[in-house]
Each structure stands twice: as C-alpha cells, then as structure tokens.
C-alpha cells in the first residue's frame, strides 16, 4: 500500500484528515505513526473551526518535517520550506477550489447547524476522503 492509499485508509478508519495525511508519511521521515497521529489530532476539520483543511495541515506538517529549518540561521531551508508550502497550497487550491475547510464543505462546521449539514449531506464520508487523497497526492509529488 502506498502513502496515498494509506492516508485514505487511515481517514476511513476514523482518524482526522490531518492525522491521516501526516501519519501516512511520518515513518519515512523519522517519526513513528503513533507520534504523528498524536501530533495531528488537533488539526482535523480545520482545527475544529473550519479553517485550513486538516488534510492540508497534515501535508504541511510532512513538508515541514522534510524541508523545515531547525536552526534560525539556516536561511536556505527556511526559503525552501516557504516555497514548498506555497506550492502545496497553490496546487491544492487549484485542484479543489480552496484550502479552507468551510469553503470546501460549503458550510461552517464550527456551528451546530453547519456540522449537522455536513453530516446530513455525507460530506465527511464523501468529500473529505477526496481532500485527503488530493493532499497526499500533492505531497507525494513535492517530496
């Protein structure tokens, strides 16, 4: 099973979009799946507020782990991480119309009404797996 399939499988098994994308790539970058699942736990559903899609957040954590800087003087890595972040978000928006959860779902899941709308219209089970797959696919290309 490749990382794209793994991310969708993790999502479909009950993990948040952020966890699914991050954990599917984590082992290859020196982080255990368990650690990635825990780190990604609070970023699903646009940080529970319909902000940046959790699948994107998980992908950005992957890209940060791969390209990010850990030394304040490492300007080259900082520039690389900034570029790959912009490239990811631009590509995700181009493919999906937005990288904001509330825009992708066309409802505000931070409200009870919005969450109910998403559930009633099967958005979490039909649209979100597509966003997870899209984020994982773009991430795969960038790493």
C-alpha atoms as a PDB file:
ATOM      1  CA  UNK A   1       0.000   0.000   0.000  1.00  0.00           C
ATOM      2  CA  UNK A   2       1.427   3.380  -0.959  1.00  0.00           C
ATOM      3  CA  UNK A   3       1.258   6.535   1.183  1.00  0.00           C
ATOM      4  CA  UNK A   4      -1.723   7.969  -0.695  1.00  0.00           C
ATOM      5  CA  UNK A   5      -3.750   4.802  -0.136  1.00  0.00           C
ATOM      6  CA  UNK A   6      -2.549   4.670   3.472  1.00  0.00           C
ATOM      7  CA  UNK A   7      -3.762   8.215   4.137  1.00  0.00           C
ATOM      8  CA  UNK A   8      -7.244   7.423   2.811  1.00  0.00           C
ATOM      9  CA  UNK A   9      -7.332   4.164   4.764  1.00  0.00           C
ATOM     10  CA  UNK A  10      -6.383   5.957   7.991  1.00  0.00           C
ATOM     11  CA  UNK A  11      -9.071   8.574   7.397  1.00  0.00           C
ATOM     12  CA  UNK A  12     -11.707   5.964   6.600  1.00  0.00           C
ATOM     13  CA  UNK A  13     -10.787   4.053   9.759  1.00  0.00           C
ATOM     14  CA  UNK A  14     -11.717   7.011  11.963  1.00  0.00           C
ATOM     15  CA  UNK A  15      -8.722   9.338  12.150  1.00  0.00           C
ATOM     16  CA  UNK A  16      -8.977  13.021  11.308  1.00  0.00           C
ATOM     17  CA  UNK A  17      -7.819  14.205   7.887  1.00  0.00           C
ATOM     18  CA  UNK A  18      -4.779  15.895   9.436  1.00  0.00           C
ATOM     19  CA  UNK A  19      -3.743  12.709  11.221  1.00  0.00           C
ATOM     20  CA  UNK A  20      -4.281  10.555   8.160  1.00  0.00           C
ATOM     21  CA  UNK A  21      -2.040  12.551   5.842  1.00  0.00           C
ATOM     22  CA  UNK A  22       0.690  13.216   8.401  1.00  0.00           C
ATOM     23  CA  UNK A  23       0.851   9.630   9.654  1.00  0.00           C
ATOM     24  CA  UNK A  24       0.943   8.112   6.169  1.00  0.00           C
ATOM     25  CA  UNK A  25       4.263   9.863   5.531  1.00  0.00           C
ATOM     26  CA  UNK A  26       5.736  10.011   9.029  1.00  0.00           C
ATOM     27  CA  UNK A  27       7.733   6.774   9.159  1.00  0.00           C
ATOM     28  CA  UNK A  28       9.705   7.714   6.055  1.00  0.00           C
ATOM     29  CA  UNK A  29      10.678  10.967   7.762  1.00  0.00           C
ATOM     30  CA  UNK A  30      11.801   9.501  11.081  1.00  0.00           C
ATOM     31  CA  UNK A  31       8.632   9.919  13.142  1.00  0.00           C
ATOM     32  CA  UNK A  32       6.530   6.999  14.319  1.00  0.00           C
ATOM     33  CA  UNK A  33       2.962   6.629  13.115  1.00  0.00           C
ATOM     34  CA  UNK A  34       1.765   6.861  16.724  1.00  0.00           C
ATOM     35  CA  UNK A  35       3.603  10.154  17.257  1.00  0.00           C
ATOM     36  CA  UNK A  36       2.231  11.564  14.004  1.00  0.00           C
ATOM     37  CA  UNK A  37      -1.314  10.544  14.910  1.00  0.00           C
ATOM     38  CA  UNK A  38      -0.994  12.304  18.251  1.00  0.00           C
ATOM     39  CA  UNK A  39       0.587  15.447  16.801  1.00  0.00           C
ATOM     40  CA  UNK A  40      -2.064  15.658  14.087  1.00  0.00           C
ATOM     41  CA  UNK A  41      -5.006  15.084  16.429  1.00  0.00           C
ATOM     42  CA  UNK A  42      -5.981  18.729  16.989  1.00  0.00           C
ATOM     43  CA  UNK A  43      -5.828  19.872  13.362  1.00  0.00           C
ATOM     44  CA  UNK A  44      -8.763  17.974  11.841  1.00  0.00           C
ATOM     45  CA  UNK A  45     -11.813  19.801  10.484  1.00  0.00           C
ATOM     46  CA  UNK A  46      -9.810  22.957  10.021  1.00  0.00           C
ATOM     47  CA  UNK A  47      -8.659  22.947  13.648  1.00  0.00           C
ATOM     48  CA  UNK A  48     -12.280  22.152  14.571  1.00  0.00           C
ATOM     49  CA  UNK A  49     -13.257  25.604  13.290  1.00  0.00           C
ATOM     50  CA  UNK A  50     -13.492  25.156   9.521  1.00  0.00           C
ATOM     51  CA  UNK A  51     -10.212  26.967   8.894  1.00  0.00           C
ATOM     52  CA  UNK A  52      -7.376  25.482   6.792  1.00  0.00           C
ATOM     53  CA  UNK A  53      -8.397  21.960   5.755  1.00  0.00           C
ATOM     54  CA  UNK A  54      -6.865  19.393   8.069  1.00  0.00           C
ATOM     55  CA  UNK A  55      -5.633  17.337   5.123  1.00  0.00           C
ATOM     56  CA  UNK A  56      -3.605  20.399   4.108  1.00  0.00           C
ATOM     57  CA  UNK A  57      -2.360  20.889   7.651  1.00  0.00           C
ATOM     58  CA  UNK A  58      -1.217  17.267   7.776  1.00  0.00           C
ATOM     59  CA  UNK A  59       0.545  17.702   4.448  1.00  0.00           C
ATOM     60  CA  UNK A  60       2.239  20.877   5.619  1.00  0.00           C
ATOM     61  CA  UNK A  61       3.493  19.048   8.711  1.00  0.00           C
ATOM     62  CA  UNK A  62       5.005  16.423   6.389  1.00  0.00           C
ATOM     63  CA  UNK A  63       6.643  19.085   4.257  1.00  0.00           C
ATOM     64  CA  UNK A  64       7.900  20.929   7.332  1.00  0.00           C
ATOM     65  CA  UNK A  65       9.412  17.730   8.684  1.00  0.00           C
ATOM     66  CA  UNK A  66      11.124  17.139   5.341  1.00  0.00           C
ATOM     67  CA  UNK A  67      12.217  20.669   4.414  1.00  0.00           C
ATOM     68  CA  UNK A  68      11.822  22.840   7.513  1.00  0.00           C
ATOM     69  CA  UNK A  69      14.638  24.508   9.361  1.00  0.00           C
ATOM     70  CA  UNK A  70      15.643  23.854  12.959  1.00  0.00           C
ATOM     71  CA  UNK A  71      18.445  26.382  13.081  1.00  0.00           C
ATOM     72  CA  UNK A  72      17.474  30.055  12.995  1.00  0.00           C
ATOM     73  CA  UNK A  73      20.486  30.803  10.800  1.00  0.00           C
ATOM     74  CA  UNK A  74      19.547  28.205   8.171  1.00  0.00           C
ATOM     75  CA  UNK A  75      18.048  30.639   5.677  1.00  0.00           C
ATOM     76  CA  UNK A  76      18.270  28.177   2.789  1.00  0.00           C
ATOM     77  CA  UNK A  77      15.988  25.637   4.492  1.00  0.00           C
ATOM     78  CA  UNK A  78      13.598  28.396   5.574  1.00  0.00           C
ATOM     79  CA  UNK A  79      13.295  29.609   1.986  1.00  0.00           C
ATOM     80  CA  UNK A  80      12.844  26.020   0.733  1.00  0.00           C
ATOM     81  CA  UNK A  81      10.092  25.339   3.296  1.00  0.00           C
ATOM     82  CA  UNK A  82       8.322  28.597   2.413  1.00  0.00           C
ATOM     83  CA  UNK A  83       8.415  27.738  -1.292  1.00  0.00           C
ATOM     84  CA  UNK A  84       7.170  24.190  -0.856  1.00  0.00           C
ATOM     85  CA  UNK A  85       4.383  25.411   1.462  1.00  0.00           C
ATOM     86  CA  UNK A  86       3.231  27.971  -1.096  1.00  0.00           C
ATOM     87  CA  UNK A  87       3.469  25.435  -3.899  1.00  0.00           C
ATOM     88  CA  UNK A  88       1.406  22.903  -1.951  1.00  0.00           C
ATOM     89  CA  UNK A  89      -1.347  25.376  -1.039  1.00  0.00           C
ATOM     90  CA  UNK A  90      -1.479  26.817  -4.556  1.00  0.00           C
ATOM     91  CA  UNK A  91      -1.779  23.348  -6.105  1.00  0.00           C
ATOM     92  CA  UNK A  92      -4.400  22.195  -3.595  1.00  0.00           C
ATOM     93  CA  UNK A  93      -6.467  25.315  -4.213  1.00  0.00           C
ATOM     94  CA  UNK A  94      -6.122  24.889  -7.975  1.00  0.00           C
ATOM     95  CA  UNK A  95      -7.363  21.285  -7.732  1.00  0.00           C
ATOM     96  CA  UNK A  96     -10.107  21.808  -5.170  1.00  0.00           C
ATOM     97  CA  UNK A  97     -11.141  25.460  -5.337  1.00  0.00           C
ATOM     98  CA  UNK A  98      -9.928  26.347  -1.846  1.00  0.00           C
ATOM     99  CA  UNK A  99      -7.836  25.103   1.054  1.00  0.00           C
ATOM    100  CA  UNK A 100     -10.300  26.363   3.655  1.00  0.00           C
ATOM    101  CA  UNK A 101     -12.458  23.664   5.194  1.00  0.00           C
ATOM    102  CA  UNK A 102     -15.632  25.775   5.366  1.00  0.00           C
ATOM    103  CA  UNK A 103     -15.300  26.677   1.683  1.00  0.00           C
ATOM    104  CA  UNK A 104     -14.586  23.097   0.606  1.00  0.00           C
ATOM    105  CA  UNK A 105     -17.598  21.819   2.566  1.00  0.00           C
ATOM    106  CA  UNK A 106     -19.730  24.868   1.756  1.00  0.00           C
ATOM    107  CA  UNK A 107     -20.799  25.094   5.397  1.00  0.00           C
ATOM    108  CA  UNK A 108     -19.343  26.275   8.691  1.00  0.00           C
ATOM    109  CA  UNK A 109     -18.700  23.181  10.774  1.00  0.00           C
ATOM    110  CA  UNK A 110     -17.788  25.298  13.784  1.00  0.00           C
ATOM    111  CA  UNK A 111     -21.534  25.778  14.280  1.00  0.00           C
ATOM    112  CA  UNK A 112     -24.004  23.042  15.253  1.00  0.00           C
ATOM    113  CA  UNK A 113     -26.047  23.798  12.120  1.00  0.00           C
ATOM    114  CA  UNK A 114     -23.024  23.577   9.860  1.00  0.00           C
ATOM    115  CA  UNK A 115     -21.854  20.332  11.396  1.00  0.00           C
ATOM    116  CA  UNK A 116     -25.363  18.886  11.082  1.00  0.00           C
ATOM    117  CA  UNK A 117     -25.467  19.962   7.413  1.00  0.00           C
ATOM    118  CA  UNK A 118     -22.123  18.248   6.752  1.00  0.00           C
ATOM    119  CA  UNK A 119     -23.293  15.048   8.419  1.00  0.00           C
ATOM    120  CA  UNK A 120     -26.704  15.003   6.718  1.00  0.00           C
ATOM    121  CA  UNK A 121     -25.077  15.525   3.318  1.00  0.00           C
ATOM    122  CA  UNK A 122     -22.357  12.907   3.903  1.00  0.00           C
ATOM    123  CA  UNK A 123     -19.628  15.480   3.359  1.00  0.00           C
ATOM    124  CA  UNK A 124     -17.253  13.910   5.890  1.00  0.00           C
ATOM    125  CA  UNK A 125     -17.606  10.487   4.282  1.00  0.00           C
ATOM    126  CA  UNK A 126     -17.780  11.518   0.617  1.00  0.00           C
ATOM    127  CA  UNK A 127     -15.907  14.809   0.163  1.00  0.00           C
ATOM    128  CA  UNK A 128     -13.276  14.613   2.884  1.00  0.00           C
ATOM    129  CA  UNK A 129     -11.646  11.375   1.645  1.00  0.00           C
ATOM    130  CA  UNK A 130     -11.152  13.115  -1.704  1.00  0.00           C
ATOM    131  CA  UNK A 131      -9.420  16.011   0.059  1.00  0.00           C
ATOM    132  CA  UNK A 132      -7.191  13.567   1.942  1.00  0.00           C
ATOM    133  CA  UNK A 133      -6.275  11.844  -1.315  1.00  0.00           C
ATOM    134  CA  UNK A 134      -5.623  15.163  -3.042  1.00  0.00           C
ATOM    135  CA  UNK A 135      -3.393  16.421  -0.225  1.00  0.00           C
ATOM    136  CA  UNK A 136      -1.457  13.154  -0.080  1.00  0.00           C
ATOM    137  CA  UNK A 137      -1.015  13.085  -3.862  1.00  0.00           C
ATOM    138  CA  UNK A 138       0.333  16.633  -3.980  1.00  0.00           C
ATOM    139  CA  UNK A 139       2.608  15.917  -1.013  1.00  0.00           C
ATOM    140  CA  UNK A 140       3.936  12.820  -2.735  1.00  0.00           C
ATOM    141  CA  UNK A 141       4.893  14.933  -5.747  1.00  0.00           C
ATOM    142  CA  UNK A 142       6.631  17.540  -3.593  1.00  0.00           C
ATOM    143  CA  UNK A 143       8.773  15.169  -1.588  1.00  0.00           C
END
